[in-house]
């Protein structure tokens, strides 16, 4: 008689055999595998078992042949499992496979995991004439799975408890970055790379819901332009990571700074997505800006200080050949203001005068407080244009009405102007401007002098 071992309509074994006489031939083949194989009759009693199956029992006193499969010592620890195996014969006769998982003790009494599948064997006439039970030792897989889920849980807890955001983005169809045009690769990633996993910190930091977002829309909140995103993406692909900062207005209308670190997922030149961390660096930036202001700007007037002014002027001179002028300012009779009205009033005069000069010069130059009541400016104009600007400055100062204890205080300034010569050092033109300033003061104040 010809028998067929059927698996979902496909013939796995197609041969002539007689289960009473010829099945023993297959023992040698079965003994070569580590699977636990047993051939059962149509009442689920064991007829043939391979070496791995016998070793699994590890009890020579136990005769498993002609024993119902559910009565094996392996399953004796669970009546529920034995009943399930016993009653599964009904499902098998309906043409279904039976699968179950169980544990068993090995020869050293270590608890192992096994997964068993029982399949029917049909004759040419379509009758079930035998059953095949195949067991797989899944202990290693179970342990790996347990470790994986433990690690996954630990990572999820770590990320959720962290203040930084993380997200994973994915392309449904990876792109070959070695053969595809770079611009085309970026366009695909920009439009189709979607966020598939992220922690709640992403929403908190970016103040949005990252779900169902693509790579491009992630930066819309900060109005990051297309070319900038493209530049960052190319840098990430080339260097293996990219770090950059975006800035946007928070819901409370405060400026918020966020740092992105993105790492691509590339295998065999196929780009399939990226991992990103997102860090709120607003406090760091605020502290940085605060330290920068403290180091480079005058605390009383808010204009830049002497050190910042000198460094900035020297930087400008390195890269600029256009005509420029240096101007020194001094508040006239400032000592008498402090003596007659007190230092608080003197501070008001300093702030008012410096703000007026700074506004008058505006984008035409850089203005600084050099110390006391002395100020300086570099004007990015030739001498004629600089004179016009300084005349307007002196006029604006004369028009000031400074309120002090219900009375109006008037003031004026003197200025010294000099043209900066090509290749000249800062000290040289500073001394000329300073000399011109004192010439203006000697000539009656409220005026300018040129050297």
Protein backbone atom coordinates (compact mmCIF):
# COMPACT_ATOMS: atom_id res chain seq x y z
CA UNK A 1 0.00 0.00 0.00
CA UNK A 2 1.21 3.54 -0.76
CA UNK A 3 1.10 6.07 2.07
CA UNK A 4 1.61 9.81 1.99
CA UNK A 5 2.70 12.07 4.87
CA UNK A 6 0.79 15.27 4.20
CA UNK A 7 1.68 18.80 5.41
CA UNK A 8 -0.76 21.51 4.35
CA UNK A 9 -1.37 19.84 1.02
CA UNK A 10 2.36 19.23 0.27
CA UNK A 11 3.87 15.75 0.18
CA UNK A 12 6.74 15.56 2.64
CA UNK A 13 7.27 11.80 2.50
CA UNK A 14 5.96 9.82 -0.47
CA UNK A 15 6.93 6.18 -0.30
CA UNK A 16 5.64 2.60 -0.04
CA UNK A 17 5.75 1.16 3.42
CA UNK A 18 3.96 -1.25 5.66
CA UNK A 19 3.69 0.01 9.22
CA UNK A 20 3.85 -3.51 10.62
CA UNK A 21 6.96 -4.66 8.74
CA UNK A 22 8.79 -1.80 7.07
CA UNK A 23 8.62 1.12 9.51
CA UNK A 24 11.70 -0.16 11.33
CA UNK A 25 13.73 0.84 8.25
CA UNK A 26 13.22 4.47 9.15
CA UNK A 27 14.59 4.17 12.67
CA UNK A 28 18.14 4.74 11.45
CA UNK A 29 17.07 7.96 9.70
CA UNK A 30 15.07 9.13 12.69
CA UNK A 31 18.01 8.43 15.00
CA UNK A 32 20.17 10.97 13.14
CA UNK A 33 18.07 13.90 14.30
CA UNK A 34 17.84 15.59 17.70
CA UNK A 35 14.08 15.90 17.31
CA UNK A 36 11.97 13.68 19.55
CA UNK A 37 10.09 11.52 17.02
CA UNK A 38 7.45 8.90 17.70
CA UNK A 39 5.17 7.08 15.26
CA UNK A 40 1.72 6.45 16.71
CA UNK A 41 -1.12 4.31 15.54
CA UNK A 42 -4.52 5.81 14.95
CA UNK A 43 -5.30 5.40 18.64
CA UNK A 44 -2.20 7.45 19.55
CA UNK A 45 -0.28 4.48 20.95
CA UNK A 46 3.48 4.55 20.34
CA UNK A 47 4.78 2.08 17.71
CA UNK A 48 8.24 3.48 16.93
CA UNK A 49 10.42 5.98 18.82
CA UNK A 50 13.81 7.31 17.79
CA UNK A 51 16.91 7.47 19.99
CA UNK A 52 16.34 11.11 20.98
CA UNK A 53 12.83 10.22 22.17
CA UNK A 54 14.10 7.26 24.20
CA UNK A 55 16.91 9.35 25.69
CA UNK A 56 14.31 11.91 26.65
CA UNK A 57 12.58 9.33 28.83
CA UNK A 58 16.00 8.39 30.36
CA UNK A 59 14.45 5.44 32.20
CA UNK A 60 15.28 2.03 30.76
CA UNK A 61 12.65 0.39 32.97
CA UNK A 62 9.86 2.25 31.18
CA UNK A 63 8.49 0.48 28.12
CA UNK A 64 6.85 3.18 26.00
CA UNK A 65 5.79 0.96 23.09
CA UNK A 66 2.04 0.39 22.72
CA UNK A 67 1.62 3.06 25.42
CA UNK A 68 -0.77 5.94 24.69
CA UNK A 69 1.25 9.06 23.95
CA UNK A 70 -0.47 11.03 26.71
CA UNK A 71 0.67 8.49 29.30
CA UNK A 72 4.36 9.18 28.74
CA UNK A 73 6.13 10.03 32.04
CA UNK A 74 7.08 13.35 30.43
CA UNK A 75 3.55 14.65 30.74
CA UNK A 76 2.67 13.11 34.11
CA UNK A 77 3.25 16.41 35.92
CA UNK A 78 0.16 17.91 34.24
CA UNK A 79 -3.23 16.17 34.16
CA UNK A 80 -4.53 19.08 32.10
CA UNK A 81 -1.85 18.50 29.44
CA UNK A 82 -2.50 14.74 29.40
CA UNK A 83 -6.21 15.34 28.89
CA UNK A 84 -5.48 17.82 26.11
CA UNK A 85 -3.29 15.28 24.29
CA UNK A 86 -5.84 12.51 24.80
CA UNK A 87 -8.75 14.48 23.45
CA UNK A 88 -6.73 15.99 20.58
CA UNK A 89 -7.29 12.82 18.58
CA UNK A 90 -10.66 14.26 17.62
CA UNK A 91 -8.99 17.33 16.10
CA UNK A 92 -6.47 15.18 14.25
CA UNK A 93 -9.25 13.15 12.66
CA UNK A 94 -10.71 16.41 11.41
CA UNK A 95 -7.46 16.96 9.51
CA UNK A 96 -5.93 19.44 11.96
CA UNK A 97 -2.45 19.49 13.44
CA UNK A 98 -2.09 19.44 17.20
CA UNK A 99 0.56 21.57 18.87
CA UNK A 100 1.38 21.99 22.53
CA UNK A 101 4.21 23.20 24.75
CA UNK A 102 5.38 21.54 27.93
CA UNK A 103 8.30 21.21 30.30
CA UNK A 104 10.24 18.05 31.14
CA UNK A 105 13.17 17.10 33.38
CA UNK A 106 16.35 16.04 31.61
CA UNK A 107 18.72 13.35 32.87
CA UNK A 108 20.22 15.83 35.32
CA UNK A 109 16.75 16.94 36.48
CA UNK A 110 17.12 20.31 34.77
CA UNK A 111 13.78 21.64 33.62
CA UNK A 112 13.62 21.87 29.83
CA UNK A 113 11.04 23.17 27.37
CA UNK A 114 9.62 21.21 24.47
CA UNK A 115 7.20 22.01 21.67
CA UNK A 116 5.37 19.05 20.13
CA UNK A 117 3.46 18.78 16.87
CA UNK A 118 1.29 15.75 16.03
CA UNK A 119 0.36 15.27 12.37
CA UNK A 120 -1.79 12.67 10.59
CA UNK A 121 -0.48 10.25 7.93
CA UNK A 122 -2.94 9.35 5.19
CA UNK A 123 -3.29 6.37 2.87
CA UNK A 124 -4.05 6.78 -0.82
CA UNK A 125 -7.68 6.25 0.11
CA UNK A 126 -7.58 9.26 2.43
CA UNK A 127 -7.72 7.25 5.63
CA UNK A 128 -5.59 8.15 8.63
CA UNK A 129 -3.42 5.11 9.24
CA UNK A 130 -0.79 6.61 11.59
CA UNK A 131 0.28 9.74 13.43
CA UNK A 132 3.70 11.38 13.66
CA UNK A 133 4.63 13.19 16.88
CA UNK A 134 7.67 15.48 16.54
CA UNK A 135 9.12 17.28 19.53
CA UNK A 136 11.57 20.21 19.48
CA UNK A 137 13.70 21.26 22.44
CA UNK A 138 12.91 24.95 22.78
CA UNK A 139 14.75 25.57 26.05
CA UNK A 140 17.43 27.80 24.53
CA UNK A 141 14.86 29.69 22.51
CA UNK A 142 12.68 30.19 25.58
CA UNK A 143 15.62 31.43 27.63
CA UNK A 144 16.64 33.79 24.84
CA UNK A 145 13.06 34.98 24.52
CA UNK A 146 12.86 35.54 28.28
CA UNK A 147 16.13 37.46 28.25
CA UNK A 148 14.96 39.46 25.26
CA UNK A 149 11.72 40.49 26.91
CA UNK A 150 13.53 41.21 30.18
CA UNK A 151 16.03 43.38 28.33
CA UNK A 152 13.25 44.98 26.35
CA UNK A 153 11.35 45.74 29.55
CA UNK A 154 14.48 47.13 31.19
CA UNK A 155 15.19 49.30 28.16
CA UNK A 156 11.58 50.50 28.03
CA UNK A 157 11.73 51.36 31.73
CA UNK A 158 15.08 53.10 31.25
CA UNK A 159 13.83 55.18 28.34
CA UNK A 160 10.52 56.02 29.96
CA UNK A 161 12.20 57.06 33.19
CA UNK A 162 14.79 59.13 31.35
CA UNK A 163 14.40 62.83 30.68
CA UNK A 164 15.71 62.46 27.11
CA UNK A 165 13.50 61.37 24.27
CA UNK A 166 14.23 58.50 21.94
CA UNK A 167 12.56 57.39 18.76
CA UNK A 168 13.02 54.79 16.06
CA UNK A 169 12.03 55.57 12.50
CA UNK A 170 11.66 53.06 9.71
CA UNK A 171 11.37 52.79 5.95
CA UNK A 172 8.95 50.09 4.84
CA UNK A 173 11.13 49.51 1.78
CA UNK A 174 14.85 50.17 2.40
CA UNK A 175 16.72 52.19 -0.23
CA UNK A 176 20.10 51.33 -1.70
CA UNK A 177 22.19 54.41 -0.97
CA UNK A 178 25.07 53.16 -3.13
CA UNK A 179 23.13 52.88 -6.39
CA UNK A 180 20.28 55.35 -5.96
CA UNK A 181 20.86 59.04 -6.63
CA UNK A 182 21.64 60.73 -3.25
CA UNK A 183 18.93 63.35 -3.68
CA UNK A 184 16.40 60.67 -4.57
CA UNK A 185 17.41 58.62 -1.51
CA UNK A 186 16.84 61.62 0.71
CA UNK A 187 13.45 62.44 -0.85
CA UNK A 188 12.26 58.88 -0.15
CA UNK A 189 13.47 59.06 3.45
CA UNK A 190 12.02 62.55 3.91
CA UNK A 191 8.55 61.55 2.72
CA UNK A 192 8.28 57.88 3.71
CA UNK A 193 10.39 57.32 6.84
CA UNK A 194 7.86 56.97 9.64
CA UNK A 195 8.31 56.91 13.40
CA UNK A 196 7.53 53.41 14.69
CA UNK A 197 8.58 53.66 18.34
CA UNK A 198 9.18 56.49 20.76
CA UNK A 199 8.94 57.32 24.45
CA UNK A 200 6.72 59.91 26.09
CA UNK A 201 9.66 62.30 26.58
CA UNK A 202 9.58 62.96 22.82
CA UNK A 203 6.12 64.48 23.16
CA UNK A 204 7.12 66.45 26.24
CA UNK A 205 10.27 67.89 24.68
CA UNK A 206 8.90 68.66 21.21
CA UNK A 207 5.39 69.46 22.50
CA UNK A 208 3.75 67.30 19.84
CA UNK A 209 2.48 63.79 19.26
CA UNK A 210 5.17 61.89 17.36
CA UNK A 211 2.82 59.11 16.27
CA UNK A 212 2.37 58.66 12.52
CA UNK A 213 4.92 61.34 11.72
CA UNK A 214 7.42 61.17 8.89
CA UNK A 215 11.00 62.42 9.09
CA UNK A 216 10.23 65.71 7.38
CA UNK A 217 7.24 66.65 9.53
CA UNK A 218 9.31 66.14 12.69
CA UNK A 219 11.08 69.44 12.04
CA UNK A 220 8.15 71.54 10.84
CA UNK A 221 7.51 72.86 14.34
CA UNK A 222 10.90 74.56 14.31
CA UNK A 223 10.56 75.73 10.70
CA UNK A 224 13.76 73.90 9.77
CA UNK A 225 14.07 74.41 6.03
CA UNK A 226 14.28 71.56 3.56
CA UNK A 227 17.92 72.17 2.59
CA UNK A 228 19.03 72.12 6.24
CA UNK A 229 17.30 68.77 6.89
CA UNK A 230 18.88 67.45 3.71
CA UNK A 231 22.34 68.58 4.85
CA UNK A 232 21.88 66.86 8.23
CA UNK A 233 20.68 63.64 6.55
CA UNK A 234 23.66 63.49 4.19
CA UNK A 235 26.00 64.12 7.13
CA UNK A 236 24.36 61.26 9.06
CA UNK A 237 24.80 58.84 6.13
CA UNK A 238 28.42 59.89 5.53
CA UNK A 239 29.66 59.97 9.13
CA UNK A 240 27.46 57.35 10.79
CA UNK A 241 25.70 59.92 12.97
CA UNK A 242 24.71 63.58 13.06
CA UNK A 243 24.12 65.98 15.93
CA UNK A 244 22.34 69.29 15.49
CA UNK A 245 20.12 71.74 17.33
CA UNK A 246 16.70 73.16 16.53
CA UNK A 247 15.02 76.16 18.12
CA UNK A 248 11.30 76.94 18.39
CA UNK A 249 8.74 78.79 20.46
CA UNK A 250 7.23 76.69 23.25
CA UNK A 251 3.54 76.74 24.14
CA UNK A 252 4.42 79.28 26.82
CA UNK A 253 6.00 81.48 24.16
CA UNK A 254 9.51 80.83 25.45
CA UNK A 255 12.40 79.95 23.17
CA UNK A 256 13.15 76.25 23.40
CA UNK A 257 16.36 74.54 22.28
CA UNK A 258 16.42 70.84 21.38
CA UNK A 259 19.44 68.76 20.41
CA UNK A 260 19.02 65.81 18.01
CA UNK A 261 21.47 62.92 17.67
CA UNK A 262 20.58 60.61 14.78
CA UNK A 263 22.23 57.29 13.83
CA UNK A 264 21.35 55.54 10.54
CA UNK A 265 20.51 51.86 10.16
CA UNK A 266 22.50 50.67 7.12
CA UNK A 267 23.15 47.06 6.14
CA UNK A 268 24.84 46.17 2.85
CA UNK A 269 24.31 49.75 1.63
CA UNK A 270 20.56 49.49 2.32
CA UNK A 271 19.24 52.36 4.44
CA UNK A 272 16.18 51.27 6.42
CA UNK A 273 15.71 53.99 9.06
CA UNK A 274 17.37 55.66 12.00
CA UNK A 275 17.62 55.85 15.78
CA UNK A 276 17.41 59.26 17.41
CA UNK A 277 17.84 60.75 20.85
CA UNK A 278 16.28 64.10 21.64
CA UNK A 279 17.55 66.27 24.46
CA UNK A 280 16.06 69.46 25.84
CA UNK A 281 19.09 71.74 26.14
CA UNK A 282 17.12 74.93 26.83
CA UNK A 283 18.52 75.31 30.34
CA UNK A 284 22.05 74.65 29.08
CA UNK A 285 21.62 77.26 26.34
CA UNK A 286 20.18 79.77 28.78
CA UNK A 287 23.11 79.25 31.13
CA UNK A 288 25.50 79.48 28.20
CA UNK A 289 23.89 82.72 27.04
CA UNK A 290 23.91 84.06 30.59
CA UNK A 291 27.62 83.32 30.94
CA UNK A 292 28.27 84.82 27.51
CA UNK A 293 26.46 88.02 28.48
CA UNK A 294 28.28 88.20 31.79
CA UNK A 295 31.64 87.74 30.07
CA UNK A 296 31.08 90.01 27.08
CA UNK A 297 28.48 92.65 27.94
CA UNK A 298 28.37 95.47 30.44
CA UNK A 299 25.97 94.61 33.27
CA UNK A 300 24.79 98.23 33.74
CA UNK A 301 24.18 99.45 30.20
CA UNK A 302 23.71 96.18 28.31
CA UNK A 303 26.14 97.11 25.53
CA UNK A 304 29.26 95.05 24.85
CA UNK A 305 32.28 95.49 27.11
CA UNK A 306 35.87 96.47 26.31
CA UNK A 307 37.18 92.90 25.86
CA UNK A 308 34.39 91.81 23.53
CA UNK A 309 34.71 95.06 21.56
CA UNK A 310 38.47 94.66 21.00
CA UNK A 311 38.13 90.99 19.96
CA UNK A 312 35.25 91.80 17.59
CA UNK A 313 37.04 94.75 15.97
CA UNK A 314 40.16 92.64 15.38
CA UNK A 315 38.04 89.91 13.79
CA UNK A 316 36.36 92.47 11.51
CA UNK A 317 39.71 93.92 10.45
CA UNK A 318 41.00 90.47 9.40
CA UNK A 319 38.28 89.98 6.80
CA UNK A 320 37.33 93.53 5.79
CA UNK A 321 39.14 96.00 3.50
CA UNK A 322 36.30 98.56 3.38
CA UNK A 323 36.85 101.98 4.97
CA UNK A 324 36.10 102.14 8.71
CA UNK A 325 36.44 104.68 11.48
CA UNK A 326 37.06 104.52 15.22
CA UNK A 327 35.13 106.84 17.58
CA UNK A 328 35.62 107.49 21.29
CA UNK A 329 32.85 109.09 23.42
CA UNK A 330 32.83 110.66 26.86
CA UNK A 331 29.87 112.05 28.85
CA UNK A 332 30.50 115.69 29.62
CA UNK A 333 30.71 116.73 33.29
CA UNK A 334 29.70 113.24 34.44
CA UNK A 335 31.59 113.57 37.72
CA UNK A 336 29.38 116.48 38.73
CA UNK A 337 26.29 114.35 38.06
CA UNK A 338 27.51 111.75 40.54
CA UNK A 339 28.57 114.43 43.05
CA UNK A 340 25.33 116.43 42.86
CA UNK A 341 22.70 113.74 42.25
CA UNK A 342 24.32 110.52 43.50
CA UNK A 343 25.50 107.35 41.78
CA UNK A 344 21.98 106.05 41.19
CA UNK A 345 21.27 109.06 39.00
CA UNK A 346 24.67 108.61 37.39
CA UNK A 347 23.69 105.04 36.48
CA UNK A 348 20.47 106.33 34.90
CA UNK A 349 22.49 108.79 32.81
CA UNK A 350 24.92 106.06 31.74
CA UNK A 351 22.10 103.74 30.66
CA UNK A 352 20.17 106.47 28.86
CA UNK A 353 23.17 107.88 26.98
CA UNK A 354 24.54 104.44 25.98
CA UNK A 355 21.14 103.28 24.75
CA UNK A 356 20.73 106.44 22.67
CA UNK A 357 24.17 106.12 21.04
CA UNK A 358 23.71 102.40 20.42
CA UNK A 359 20.32 103.02 18.75
CA UNK A 360 21.71 105.89 16.63
CA UNK A 361 24.63 103.82 15.36
CA UNK A 362 22.45 100.71 14.88
CA UNK A 363 23.73 98.47 12.08
CA UNK A 364 26.33 100.97 10.92
CA UNK A 365 28.82 99.85 13.56
CA UNK A 366 29.57 98.23 16.91
CA UNK A 367 29.25 100.18 20.17
CA UNK A 368 30.79 99.38 23.58
CA UNK A 369 31.33 100.74 27.06
CA UNK A 370 35.08 100.97 27.66
CA UNK A 371 34.84 101.88 31.35
CA UNK A 372 33.34 104.60 33.58
CA UNK A 373 31.63 107.20 31.39
CA UNK A 374 33.78 106.37 28.35
CA UNK A 375 32.40 104.60 25.29
CA UNK A 376 33.75 103.51 21.89
CA UNK A 377 32.40 102.58 18.49
CA UNK A 378 33.71 101.23 15.21
CA UNK A 379 31.75 102.65 12.25
CA UNK A 380 31.66 100.62 9.01
CA UNK A 381 31.74 103.81 6.89
CA UNK A 382 34.22 106.26 5.46
CA UNK A 383 35.03 109.51 7.26
CA UNK A 384 32.30 111.63 5.61
CA UNK A 385 29.53 109.13 6.46
CA UNK A 386 30.93 108.65 9.97
CA UNK A 387 30.85 112.40 10.64
CA UNK A 388 27.16 112.53 9.67
CA UNK A 389 26.38 109.65 12.03
CA UNK A 390 28.29 111.29 14.92
CA UNK A 391 26.61 114.65 14.34
CA UNK A 392 23.25 112.90 14.65
CA UNK A 393 24.42 111.13 17.80
CA UNK A 394 25.46 114.41 19.46
CA UNK A 395 22.16 115.98 18.45
CA UNK A 396 20.16 113.05 19.89
CA UNK A 397 22.02 113.34 23.22
CA UNK A 398 21.31 117.10 23.45
CA UNK A 399 17.60 116.39 23.05
CA UNK A 400 17.49 113.96 25.96
CA UNK A 401 15.33 114.86 28.96
CA UNK A 402 16.38 112.66 31.85
CA UNK A 403 13.86 112.64 34.70
CA UNK A 404 15.54 112.84 38.12
CA UNK A 405 13.39 113.43 41.23
CA UNK A 406 10.69 115.31 39.32
CA UNK A 407 13.29 117.49 37.57
CA UNK A 408 14.81 117.32 34.08
CA UNK A 409 18.50 116.66 33.70
CA UNK A 410 20.24 117.63 30.45
CA UNK A 411 23.58 116.23 29.30
CA UNK A 412 25.94 116.15 26.35
CA UNK A 413 28.87 114.10 25.05
CA UNK A 414 32.17 114.71 23.31
CA UNK A 415 33.59 112.50 20.54
CA UNK A 416 36.94 111.81 18.90
CA UNK A 417 37.07 110.34 15.38
CA UNK A 418 39.91 108.74 13.44
CA UNK A 419 40.14 106.76 10.23
CA UNK A 420 41.43 103.18 10.55
CA UNK A 421 44.39 102.62 8.25
CA UNK A 422 44.91 99.28 6.46
CA UNK A 423 47.00 96.88 8.53
CA UNK A 424 46.97 99.19 11.56
CA UNK A 425 46.84 97.67 15.03
CA UNK A 426 43.98 98.34 17.43
CA UNK A 427 46.17 100.18 19.91
CA UNK A 428 47.35 102.69 17.28
CA UNK A 429 43.94 103.89 16.09
CA UNK A 430 42.54 103.71 19.63
CA UNK A 431 45.18 106.16 20.82
CA UNK A 432 44.40 108.57 17.95
CA UNK A 433 40.67 108.42 18.64
CA UNK A 434 41.33 108.94 22.35
CA UNK A 435 43.57 111.92 21.56
CA UNK A 436 40.86 113.40 19.31
CA UNK A 437 38.31 112.95 22.13
CA UNK A 438 40.38 114.96 24.59
CA UNK A 439 40.91 117.62 21.94
CA UNK A 440 37.11 117.95 21.64
CA UNK A 441 36.81 118.24 25.44
CA UNK A 442 39.53 120.91 25.54
CA UNK A 443 37.71 122.84 22.85
CA UNK A 444 34.54 123.18 24.93
CA UNK A 445 32.85 119.71 24.92
CA UNK A 446 29.56 118.81 23.21
CA UNK A 447 31.42 118.45 19.94
CA UNK A 448 33.65 116.08 17.98
CA UNK A 449 37.26 116.31 16.84
CA UNK A 450 39.09 114.40 14.07
CA UNK A 451 42.66 113.10 13.97
